[in-house]
C-alpha atoms as a PDB file:
ATOM      1  CA  UNK A   1       0.321  -0.120   0.110  1.00  0.00           C
ATOM      2  CA  UNK A   2       1.510   3.529  -0.340  1.00  0.00           C
ATOM      3  CA  UNK A   3       2.140   5.585   2.234  1.00  0.00           C
ATOM      4  CA  UNK A   4      -0.721   7.986   3.511  1.00  0.00           C
ATOM      5  CA  UNK A   5      -0.778  10.941   5.923  1.00  0.00           C
ATOM      6  CA  UNK A   6      -3.765  11.646   8.145  1.00  0.00           C
ATOM      7  CA  UNK A   7      -5.666  15.257   7.245  1.00  0.00           C
ATOM      8  CA  UNK A   8      -3.935  16.798  10.016  1.00  0.00           C
ATOM      9  CA  UNK A   9      -0.842  16.955   7.670  1.00  0.00           C
ATOM     10  CA  UNK A  10      -1.668  18.980   4.753  1.00  0.00           C
ATOM     11  CA  UNK A  11      -0.659  22.107   2.532  1.00  0.00           C
ATOM     12  CA  UNK A  12      -0.290  25.580   4.877  1.00  0.00           C
ATOM     13  CA  UNK A  13       0.223  24.049   8.089  1.00  0.00           C
ATOM     14  CA  UNK A  14       2.256  24.902  11.077  1.00  0.00           C
ATOM     15  CA  UNK A  15       4.474  21.803  13.132  1.00  0.00           C
ATOM     16  CA  UNK A  16       5.518  23.013  16.238  1.00  0.00           C
ATOM     17  CA  UNK A  17       9.348  24.138  16.477  1.00  0.00           C
ATOM     18  CA  UNK A  18      10.197  21.310  19.390  1.00  0.00           C
ATOM     19  CA  UNK A  19      12.892  19.128  19.840  1.00  0.00           C
ATOM     20  CA  UNK A  20      10.481  16.074  19.369  1.00  0.00           C
ATOM     21  CA  UNK A  21       7.918  16.815  16.620  1.00  0.00           C
ATOM     22  CA  UNK A  22       5.934  13.899  15.555  1.00  0.00           C
ATOM     23  CA  UNK A  23       5.178  12.822  11.955  1.00  0.00           C
ATOM     24  CA  UNK A  24       2.893   9.822  11.403  1.00  0.00           C
ATOM     25  CA  UNK A  25       0.964   8.008   9.071  1.00  0.00           C
ATOM     26  CA  UNK A  26       0.049   4.192   7.669  1.00  0.00           C
ATOM     27  CA  UNK A  27       2.469   1.923   4.601  1.00  0.00           C
ATOM     28  CA  UNK A  28       2.793  -1.392   3.940  1.00  0.00           C
ATOM     29  CA  UNK A  29       3.771  -2.992   6.812  1.00  0.00           C
ATOM     30  CA  UNK A  30       7.465  -3.421   7.702  1.00  0.00           C
ATOM     31  CA  UNK A  31       8.125  -0.805   4.399  1.00  0.00           C
ATOM     32  CA  UNK A  32      10.582   2.002   4.919  1.00  0.00           C
ATOM     33  CA  UNK A  33       9.663   5.800   5.332  1.00  0.00           C
ATOM     34  CA  UNK A  34      11.790   8.546   5.336  1.00  0.00           C
ATOM     35  CA  UNK A  35      10.369  12.149   6.299  1.00  0.00           C
ATOM     36  CA  UNK A  36      12.060  14.939   5.390  1.00  0.00           C
ATOM     37  CA  UNK A  37      11.879  19.011   5.862  1.00  0.00           C
ATOM     38  CA  UNK A  38      13.981  22.048   6.768  1.00  0.00           C
ATOM     39  CA  UNK A  39      17.088  19.410   6.711  1.00  0.00           C
ATOM     40  CA  UNK A  40      16.143  17.175   8.800  1.00  0.00           C
ATOM     41  CA  UNK A  41      15.393  13.791   8.094  1.00  0.00           C
ATOM     42  CA  UNK A  42      14.102  10.959   9.857  1.00  0.00           C
ATOM     43  CA  UNK A  43      13.800   7.431   8.770  1.00  0.00           C
ATOM     44  CA  UNK A  44      11.752   4.379  10.440  1.00  0.00           C
ATOM     45  CA  UNK A  45       9.654   1.229   9.132  1.00  0.00           C
ATOM     46  CA  UNK A  46       5.978   0.971   9.425  1.00  0.00           C
ATOM     47  CA  UNK A  47       4.742  -1.977  12.209  1.00  0.00           C
ATOM     48  CA  UNK A  48       2.463  -4.975  11.814  1.00  0.00           C
ATOM     49  CA  UNK A  49      -0.324  -2.987  11.638  1.00  0.00           C
ATOM     50  CA  UNK A  50       0.830  -0.488   9.053  1.00  0.00           C
ATOM     51  CA  UNK A  51       1.707   2.586  11.449  1.00  0.00           C
ATOM     52  CA  UNK A  52       4.736   4.431  11.488  1.00  0.00           C
ATOM     53  CA  UNK A  53       5.867   7.113  13.638  1.00  0.00           C
ATOM     54  CA  UNK A  54       9.116   9.624  13.267  1.00  0.00           C
ATOM     55  CA  UNK A  55      10.224  12.135  15.308  1.00  0.00           C
ATOM     56  CA  UNK A  56      11.791  15.638  14.146  1.00  0.00           C
ATOM     57  CA  UNK A  57      14.184  18.261  16.004  1.00  0.00           C
ATOM     58  CA  UNK A  58      13.192  21.395  14.795  1.00  0.00           C
ATOM     59  CA  UNK A  59      14.002  23.060  17.342  1.00  0.00           C
ATOM     60  CA  UNK A  60      16.630  24.936  15.207  1.00  0.00           C
ATOM     61  CA  UNK A  61      14.805  25.236  12.127  1.00  0.00           C
ATOM     62  CA  UNK A  62      13.981  28.803  10.905  1.00  0.00           C
ATOM     63  CA  UNK A  63      10.445  29.255  10.100  1.00  0.00           C
ATOM     64  CA  UNK A  64       9.672  28.758   6.718  1.00  0.00           C
ATOM     65  CA  UNK A  65       7.894  28.007   4.485  1.00  0.00           C
ATOM     66  CA  UNK A  66       9.215  24.849   3.348  1.00  0.00           C
ATOM     67  CA  UNK A  67       8.029  21.589   1.751  1.00  0.00           C
ATOM     68  CA  UNK A  68       7.775  18.401   3.538  1.00  0.00           C
ATOM     69  CA  UNK A  69       8.254  15.018   1.509  1.00  0.00           C
ATOM     70  CA  UNK A  70       7.288  11.394   2.776  1.00  0.00           C
ATOM     71  CA  UNK A  71       8.342   8.798   0.823  1.00  0.00           C
ATOM     72  CA  UNK A  72       7.870   4.978   1.087  1.00  0.00           C
ATOM     73  CA  UNK A  73       6.825   3.301  -2.424  1.00  0.00           C
ATOM     74  CA  UNK A  74       4.968   6.422  -3.019  1.00  0.00           C
ATOM     75  CA  UNK A  75       6.289  10.203  -2.055  1.00  0.00           C
ATOM     76  CA  UNK A  76       3.679  12.512  -0.991  1.00  0.00           C
ATOM     77  CA  UNK A  77       4.314  16.273  -0.760  1.00  0.00           C
ATOM     78  CA  UNK A  78       3.096  19.063   1.644  1.00  0.00           C
ATOM     79  CA  UNK A  79       3.798  22.274   0.756  1.00  0.00           C
ATOM     80  CA  UNK A  80       3.740  25.484   2.458  1.00  0.00           C
ATOM     81  CA  UNK A  81       4.764  24.262   6.129  1.00  0.00           C
ATOM     82  CA  UNK A  82       5.528  26.723   8.466  1.00  0.00           C
ATOM     83  CA  UNK A  83       7.586  25.701  11.570  1.00  0.00           C
ATOM     84  CA  UNK A  84       6.575  27.800  15.185  1.00  0.00           C
ATOM     85  CA  UNK A  85       4.460  27.874  17.898  1.00  0.00           C
ATOM     86  CA  UNK A  86       1.242  25.783  17.812  1.00  0.00           C
ATOM     87  CA  UNK A  87      -2.028  27.410  19.572  1.00  0.00           C
ATOM     88  CA  UNK A  88      -4.996  25.662  19.683  1.00  0.00           C
ATOM     89  CA  UNK A  89      -8.078  27.993  21.170  1.00  0.00           C
ATOM     90  CA  UNK A  90     -11.493  27.598  21.577  1.00  0.00           C
ATOM     91  CA  UNK A  91     -14.576  29.534  23.425  1.00  0.00           C
ATOM     92  CA  UNK A  92     -17.091  32.104  22.508  1.00  0.00           C
ATOM     93  CA  UNK A  93     -17.534  33.799  19.658  1.00  0.00           C
ATOM     94  CA  UNK A  94     -16.016  37.143  21.423  1.00  0.00           C
ATOM     95  CA  UNK A  95     -13.319  35.167  21.729  1.00  0.00           C
ATOM     96  CA  UNK A  96     -11.189  37.234  18.802  1.00  0.00           C
END
């Protein structure tokens, strides 16, 4: 099966500027998967259930934008990726 990413990884996203930024997805069991962004490269193999996970050290990376590539039996490209602080907020309509 082709390497797949969940929908949270898409064009125009922001990745956390961290020593331990996770990127994950699915592939064929045992398939080698390589993730590359901002001069960081991480390689792993998909587990028996097809899940894979790499952790990138993006703590010294600039804000971007970058292109992230995920390569296995196929290659996925995610464009216009920024690296910085990631905030999640929720509340009432007057929160802005």
